[in-house]
Amino acid sequence: QVQLVESGGGLVQPGGSLRLACAASRSIFSIRDMGWYRQAPGNQRELVARILTGGDTNYADSVKGRFTISRDIAKNTVYLQMNSLQPEDTAVYYCTAYYYSARYWGQGTQVTVSS
């Protein structure tokens, strides 16, 4: 099993930045892929970004060039740096990990972009 704990959400003005962190309960080097999804009210949960074991990354088109996913293997933590935030980025952001054919989720952290 993998426990995931997110932090770093909050309220930010349009154009601002936030960094989310996801701490895993085991070595992330052994986890095939980790990433971030988000879900806005009335919408389905959607992939934002993910990072694979080898370090390759994928991003949703809507966040390319603004968001960056990274990891610190020594700290078992994955980060999502979010720049140039817009109101449409408002959502609950969930950390996820795919480990031994099972997908695990964190509890989510709220990101609100508003003036």
N, C-alpha and C. Protein backbone atom coordinates (compact mmCIF):
# COMPACT_ATOMS: atom_id res chain seq x y z
N GLN A 1 0.83 -1.20 0.00
CA GLN A 1 0.00 0.00 0.00
C GLN A 1 0.86 1.25 0.00
N VAL A 2 0.22 2.34 -0.42
CA VAL A 2 0.90 3.64 -0.42
C VAL A 2 -0.05 4.67 0.17
N GLN A 3 0.38 5.37 1.19
CA GLN A 3 -0.38 6.51 1.72
C GLN A 3 0.22 7.78 1.14
N LEU A 4 -0.66 8.68 0.75
CA LEU A 4 -0.25 9.93 0.12
C LEU A 4 -0.87 11.10 0.88
N VAL A 5 -0.05 12.09 1.20
CA VAL A 5 -0.53 13.26 1.92
C VAL A 5 -0.14 14.51 1.15
N GLU A 6 -1.16 15.25 0.71
CA GLU A 6 -0.92 16.48 -0.04
C GLU A 6 -0.86 17.69 0.89
N SER A 7 -0.17 18.71 0.43
CA SER A 7 -0.14 19.99 1.13
C SER A 7 0.16 21.08 0.12
N GLY A 8 -0.11 22.33 0.53
CA GLY A 8 0.28 23.47 -0.30
C GLY A 8 -0.85 24.17 -1.01
N GLY A 9 -2.07 23.68 -0.90
CA GLY A 9 -3.18 24.37 -1.55
C GLY A 9 -3.52 25.67 -0.84
N GLY A 10 -4.45 26.42 -1.45
CA GLY A 10 -4.87 27.67 -0.83
C GLY A 10 -5.52 28.59 -1.83
N LEU A 11 -5.65 29.84 -1.40
CA LEU A 11 -6.26 30.88 -2.23
C LEU A 11 -5.16 31.75 -2.83
N VAL A 12 -5.24 31.99 -4.12
CA VAL A 12 -4.24 32.80 -4.80
C VAL A 12 -4.94 33.66 -5.85
N GLN A 13 -4.38 34.82 -6.13
CA GLN A 13 -4.95 35.71 -7.14
C GLN A 13 -4.55 35.23 -8.53
N PRO A 14 -5.35 35.57 -9.53
CA PRO A 14 -4.96 35.23 -10.92
C PRO A 14 -3.56 35.74 -11.24
N GLY A 15 -2.79 34.90 -11.90
CA GLY A 15 -1.42 35.22 -12.22
C GLY A 15 -0.43 34.79 -11.16
N GLY A 16 -0.93 34.35 -10.03
CA GLY A 16 -0.06 33.95 -8.93
C GLY A 16 0.45 32.52 -9.07
N SER A 17 1.18 32.09 -8.04
CA SER A 17 1.80 30.77 -8.04
C SER A 17 1.53 30.04 -6.74
N LEU A 18 1.52 28.72 -6.84
CA LEU A 18 1.46 27.84 -5.68
C LEU A 18 2.31 26.61 -5.96
N ARG A 19 2.81 26.00 -4.91
CA ARG A 19 3.49 24.72 -5.05
C ARG A 19 2.82 23.70 -4.16
N LEU A 20 2.36 22.63 -4.79
CA LEU A 20 1.77 21.52 -4.05
C LEU A 20 2.84 20.47 -3.78
N ALA A 21 2.70 19.79 -2.66
CA ALA A 21 3.61 18.70 -2.31
C ALA A 21 2.80 17.46 -1.98
N CYS A 22 3.34 16.31 -2.32
CA CYS A 22 2.70 15.04 -2.02
C CYS A 22 3.75 14.12 -1.41
N ALA A 23 3.58 13.82 -0.14
CA ALA A 23 4.51 12.96 0.57
C ALA A 23 3.97 11.53 0.57
N ALA A 24 4.81 10.59 0.13
CA ALA A 24 4.41 9.18 0.05
C ALA A 24 4.97 8.41 1.24
N SER A 25 4.29 7.32 1.57
CA SER A 25 4.67 6.52 2.74
C SER A 25 5.76 5.51 2.42
N ARG A 26 6.14 5.39 1.15
CA ARG A 26 7.21 4.48 0.78
C ARG A 26 8.07 5.14 -0.28
N SER A 27 9.18 4.51 -0.60
CA SER A 27 10.08 5.08 -1.59
C SER A 27 9.39 5.28 -2.92
N ILE A 28 9.41 6.51 -3.42
CA ILE A 28 8.76 6.77 -4.70
C ILE A 28 9.56 6.22 -5.87
N PHE A 29 10.80 5.83 -5.61
CA PHE A 29 11.60 5.22 -6.67
C PHE A 29 10.97 3.90 -7.12
N SER A 30 10.23 3.25 -6.21
CA SER A 30 9.62 1.97 -6.52
C SER A 30 8.21 2.11 -7.11
N ILE A 31 7.73 3.31 -7.24
CA ILE A 31 6.37 3.56 -7.74
C ILE A 31 6.44 3.88 -9.23
N ARG A 32 5.65 3.14 -10.01
CA ARG A 32 5.76 3.24 -11.46
C ARG A 32 5.44 4.63 -11.98
N ASP A 33 4.37 5.20 -11.49
CA ASP A 33 4.11 6.58 -11.85
C ASP A 33 3.36 7.29 -10.74
N MET A 34 3.64 8.55 -10.62
CA MET A 34 2.96 9.40 -9.66
C MET A 34 2.51 10.66 -10.39
N GLY A 35 1.45 11.24 -9.89
CA GLY A 35 0.97 12.41 -10.59
C GLY A 35 -0.07 13.18 -9.82
N TRP A 36 -0.64 14.14 -10.52
CA TRP A 36 -1.66 15.01 -9.96
C TRP A 36 -2.87 15.02 -10.90
N TYR A 37 -4.03 14.86 -10.29
CA TYR A 37 -5.30 15.05 -10.96
C TYR A 37 -6.00 16.22 -10.28
N ARG A 38 -7.01 16.74 -10.94
CA ARG A 38 -7.83 17.76 -10.31
C ARG A 38 -9.29 17.56 -10.67
N GLN A 39 -10.16 18.06 -9.80
CA GLN A 39 -11.59 17.94 -10.03
C GLN A 39 -12.27 19.23 -9.58
N ALA A 40 -12.90 19.89 -10.55
CA ALA A 40 -13.68 21.08 -10.26
C ALA A 40 -15.14 20.68 -10.07
N PRO A 41 -15.92 21.48 -9.36
CA PRO A 41 -17.33 21.15 -9.13
C PRO A 41 -18.06 20.91 -10.44
N GLY A 42 -18.76 19.78 -10.51
CA GLY A 42 -19.53 19.45 -11.70
C GLY A 42 -18.73 18.84 -12.83
N ASN A 43 -17.42 18.71 -12.63
CA ASN A 43 -16.56 18.16 -13.67
C ASN A 43 -16.00 16.80 -13.24
N GLN A 44 -15.53 16.06 -14.25
CA GLN A 44 -14.84 14.81 -13.95
C GLN A 44 -13.42 15.09 -13.50
N ARG A 45 -12.86 14.14 -12.78
CA ARG A 45 -11.46 14.26 -12.38
C ARG A 45 -10.59 14.13 -13.63
N GLU A 46 -9.61 15.01 -13.76
CA GLU A 46 -8.76 15.01 -14.95
C GLU A 46 -7.29 15.02 -14.58
N LEU A 47 -6.50 14.40 -15.46
CA LEU A 47 -5.06 14.38 -15.26
C LEU A 47 -4.49 15.78 -15.47
N VAL A 48 -3.61 16.17 -14.55
CA VAL A 48 -2.90 17.44 -14.70
C VAL A 48 -1.47 17.18 -15.15
N ALA A 49 -0.77 16.31 -14.43
CA ALA A 49 0.62 16.01 -14.75
C ALA A 49 1.00 14.71 -14.08
N ARG A 50 1.98 14.01 -14.66
CA ARG A 50 2.49 12.81 -14.03
C ARG A 50 3.95 12.67 -14.34
N ILE A 51 4.63 11.92 -13.48
CA ILE A 51 6.05 11.65 -13.65
C ILE A 51 6.25 10.16 -13.49
N LEU A 52 6.99 9.57 -14.43
CA LEU A 52 7.20 8.13 -14.44
C LEU A 52 8.50 7.78 -13.72
N THR A 53 8.69 6.47 -13.50
CA THR A 53 9.86 6.01 -12.77
C THR A 53 11.16 6.56 -13.35
N GLY A 54 11.26 6.55 -14.68
CA GLY A 54 12.48 7.00 -15.34
C GLY A 54 12.64 8.51 -15.39
N GLY A 55 11.63 9.23 -14.94
CA GLY A 55 11.71 10.68 -14.92
C GLY A 55 10.94 11.37 -16.03
N ASP A 56 10.40 10.61 -16.97
CA ASP A 56 9.59 11.23 -18.03
C ASP A 56 8.34 11.86 -17.43
N THR A 57 7.91 12.94 -18.04
CA THR A 57 6.73 13.67 -17.54
C THR A 57 5.69 13.84 -18.64
N ASN A 58 4.44 13.93 -18.22
CA ASN A 58 3.32 14.24 -19.13
C ASN A 58 2.48 15.34 -18.50
N TYR A 59 1.92 16.19 -19.35
CA TYR A 59 1.08 17.29 -18.87
C TYR A 59 -0.19 17.39 -19.69
N ALA A 60 -1.26 17.84 -19.03
CA ALA A 60 -2.46 18.21 -19.76
C ALA A 60 -2.14 19.43 -20.61
N ASP A 61 -2.76 19.51 -21.77
CA ASP A 61 -2.51 20.65 -22.66
C ASP A 61 -2.80 21.98 -21.97
N SER A 62 -3.79 21.99 -21.10
CA SER A 62 -4.22 23.24 -20.46
C SER A 62 -3.21 23.79 -19.48
N VAL A 63 -2.22 22.98 -19.06
CA VAL A 63 -1.25 23.45 -18.07
C VAL A 63 0.17 23.48 -18.60
N LYS A 64 0.39 23.00 -19.82
CA LYS A 64 1.74 22.99 -20.39
C LYS A 64 2.31 24.40 -20.41
N GLY A 65 3.56 24.49 -19.96
CA GLY A 65 4.23 25.79 -19.94
C GLY A 65 3.97 26.58 -18.67
N ARG A 66 3.00 26.15 -17.87
CA ARG A 66 2.67 26.87 -16.63
C ARG A 66 2.95 26.02 -15.39
N PHE A 67 2.71 24.72 -15.49
CA PHE A 67 2.90 23.81 -14.36
C PHE A 67 4.13 22.94 -14.59
N THR A 68 4.80 22.58 -13.50
CA THR A 68 5.95 21.68 -13.57
C THR A 68 5.85 20.65 -12.47
N ILE A 69 5.94 19.38 -12.85
CA ILE A 69 5.96 18.30 -11.87
C ILE A 69 7.41 17.89 -11.64
N SER A 70 7.75 17.61 -10.40
CA SER A 70 9.11 17.20 -10.07
C SER A 70 9.05 16.27 -8.86
N ARG A 71 10.18 15.71 -8.51
CA ARG A 71 10.20 14.80 -7.38
C ARG A 71 11.52 14.91 -6.64
N ASP A 72 11.47 14.58 -5.36
CA ASP A 72 12.66 14.47 -4.52
C ASP A 72 12.63 13.05 -3.96
N ILE A 73 13.42 12.17 -4.56
CA ILE A 73 13.38 10.76 -4.18
C ILE A 73 13.81 10.57 -2.73
N ALA A 74 14.77 11.36 -2.29
CA ALA A 74 15.27 11.23 -0.91
C ALA A 74 14.18 11.57 0.10
N LYS A 75 13.25 12.45 -0.29
CA LYS A 75 12.18 12.86 0.62
C LYS A 75 10.87 12.14 0.33
N ASN A 76 10.88 11.25 -0.66
CA ASN A 76 9.66 10.54 -1.05
C ASN A 76 8.52 11.50 -1.34
N THR A 77 8.84 12.57 -2.02
CA THR A 77 7.87 13.65 -2.26
C THR A 77 7.84 14.05 -3.73
N VAL A 78 6.64 14.27 -4.21
CA VAL A 78 6.42 14.79 -5.56
C VAL A 78 5.81 16.18 -5.43
N TYR A 79 6.24 17.07 -6.30
CA TYR A 79 5.79 18.46 -6.25
C TYR A 79 5.06 18.85 -7.54
N LEU A 80 4.20 19.83 -7.41
CA LEU A 80 3.58 20.43 -8.59
C LEU A 80 3.71 21.94 -8.43
N GLN A 81 4.61 22.53 -9.20
CA GLN A 81 4.77 23.98 -9.21
C GLN A 81 3.79 24.56 -10.22
N MET A 82 2.93 25.43 -9.74
CA MET A 82 1.88 26.00 -10.59
C MET A 82 2.09 27.51 -10.70
N ASN A 83 2.36 27.96 -11.90
CA ASN A 83 2.57 29.39 -12.16
C ASN A 83 1.47 29.92 -13.08
N SER A 84 1.35 31.22 -13.11
CA SER A 84 0.35 31.89 -13.97
C SER A 84 -1.04 31.27 -13.79
N LEU A 85 -1.41 31.10 -12.54
CA LEU A 85 -2.70 30.46 -12.24
C LEU A 85 -3.86 31.31 -12.71
N GLN A 86 -4.89 30.63 -13.18
CA GLN A 86 -6.09 31.27 -13.69
C GLN A 86 -7.31 30.73 -12.95
N PRO A 87 -8.41 31.47 -12.97
CA PRO A 87 -9.61 30.99 -12.27
C PRO A 87 -10.04 29.57 -12.70
N GLU A 88 -9.79 29.22 -13.94
CA GLU A 88 -10.18 27.88 -14.40
C GLU A 88 -9.32 26.77 -13.81
N ASP A 89 -8.26 27.14 -13.11
CA ASP A 89 -7.43 26.15 -12.41
C ASP A 89 -8.00 25.80 -11.04
N THR A 90 -9.05 26.50 -10.64
CA THR A 90 -9.68 26.23 -9.35
C THR A 90 -10.25 24.82 -9.32
N ALA A 91 -9.85 24.05 -8.32
CA ALA A 91 -10.27 22.65 -8.21
C ALA A 91 -9.68 22.06 -6.94
N VAL A 92 -10.12 20.85 -6.64
CA VAL A 92 -9.43 20.04 -5.64
C VAL A 92 -8.36 19.24 -6.39
N TYR A 93 -7.15 19.33 -5.91
CA TYR A 93 -6.02 18.64 -6.55
C TYR A 93 -5.69 17.39 -5.74
N TYR A 94 -5.60 16.27 -6.45
CA TYR A 94 -5.33 14.98 -5.82
C TYR A 94 -4.00 14.42 -6.30
N CYS A 95 -3.23 13.95 -5.36
CA CYS A 95 -2.01 13.21 -5.68
C CYS A 95 -2.38 11.75 -5.90
N THR A 96 -1.71 11.10 -6.83
CA THR A 96 -1.99 9.70 -7.12
C THR A 96 -0.71 8.93 -7.39
N ALA A 97 -0.76 7.66 -7.07
CA ALA A 97 0.39 6.79 -7.32
C ALA A 97 -0.12 5.45 -7.84
N TYR A 98 0.58 4.91 -8.84
CA TYR A 98 0.25 3.59 -9.39
C TYR A 98 1.34 2.64 -8.95
N TYR A 99 0.95 1.67 -8.11
CA TYR A 99 1.94 0.81 -7.47
C TYR A 99 1.40 -0.60 -7.44
N TYR A 100 2.12 -1.52 -8.07
CA TYR A 100 1.74 -2.92 -8.10
C TYR A 100 0.27 -3.11 -8.50
N SER A 101 -0.08 -2.54 -9.66
CA SER A 101 -1.39 -2.73 -10.28
C SER A 101 -2.54 -2.11 -9.50
N ALA A 102 -2.24 -1.23 -8.59
CA ALA A 102 -3.30 -0.54 -7.83
C ALA A 102 -3.02 0.95 -7.86
N ARG A 103 -4.10 1.73 -7.93
CA ARG A 103 -3.95 3.19 -7.91
C ARG A 103 -4.37 3.71 -6.55
N TYR A 104 -3.54 4.56 -6.01
CA TYR A 104 -3.79 5.14 -4.69
C TYR A 104 -3.98 6.64 -4.83
N TRP A 105 -4.78 7.19 -3.91
CA TRP A 105 -5.12 8.62 -3.96
C TRP A 105 -4.90 9.27 -2.60
N GLY A 106 -4.49 10.52 -2.64
CA GLY A 106 -4.46 11.32 -1.43
C GLY A 106 -5.85 11.88 -1.14
N GLN A 107 -5.94 12.67 -0.07
CA GLN A 107 -7.24 13.19 0.35
C GLN A 107 -7.64 14.43 -0.42
N GLY A 108 -6.70 15.02 -1.15
CA GLY A 108 -6.98 16.20 -1.95
C GLY A 108 -6.68 17.49 -1.22
N THR A 109 -6.32 18.51 -1.99
CA THR A 109 -6.08 19.83 -1.44
C THR A 109 -6.73 20.87 -2.35
N GLN A 110 -7.41 21.81 -1.74
CA GLN A 110 -8.17 22.79 -2.51
C GLN A 110 -7.26 23.90 -3.02
N VAL A 111 -7.40 24.21 -4.30
CA VAL A 111 -6.73 25.36 -4.90
C VAL A 111 -7.82 26.27 -5.45
N THR A 112 -7.82 27.51 -4.99
CA THR A 112 -8.80 28.49 -5.44
C THR A 112 -8.07 29.69 -6.01
N VAL A 113 -8.39 30.01 -7.26
CA VAL A 113 -7.79 31.16 -7.93
C VAL A 113 -8.87 32.21 -8.12
N SER A 114 -8.73 33.30 -7.39
CA SER A 114 -9.77 34.32 -7.41
C SER A 114 -9.20 35.65 -6.96
N SER A 115 -9.74 36.73 -7.51
CA SER A 115 -9.35 38.05 -7.08
C SER A 115 -10.29 38.56 -5.99
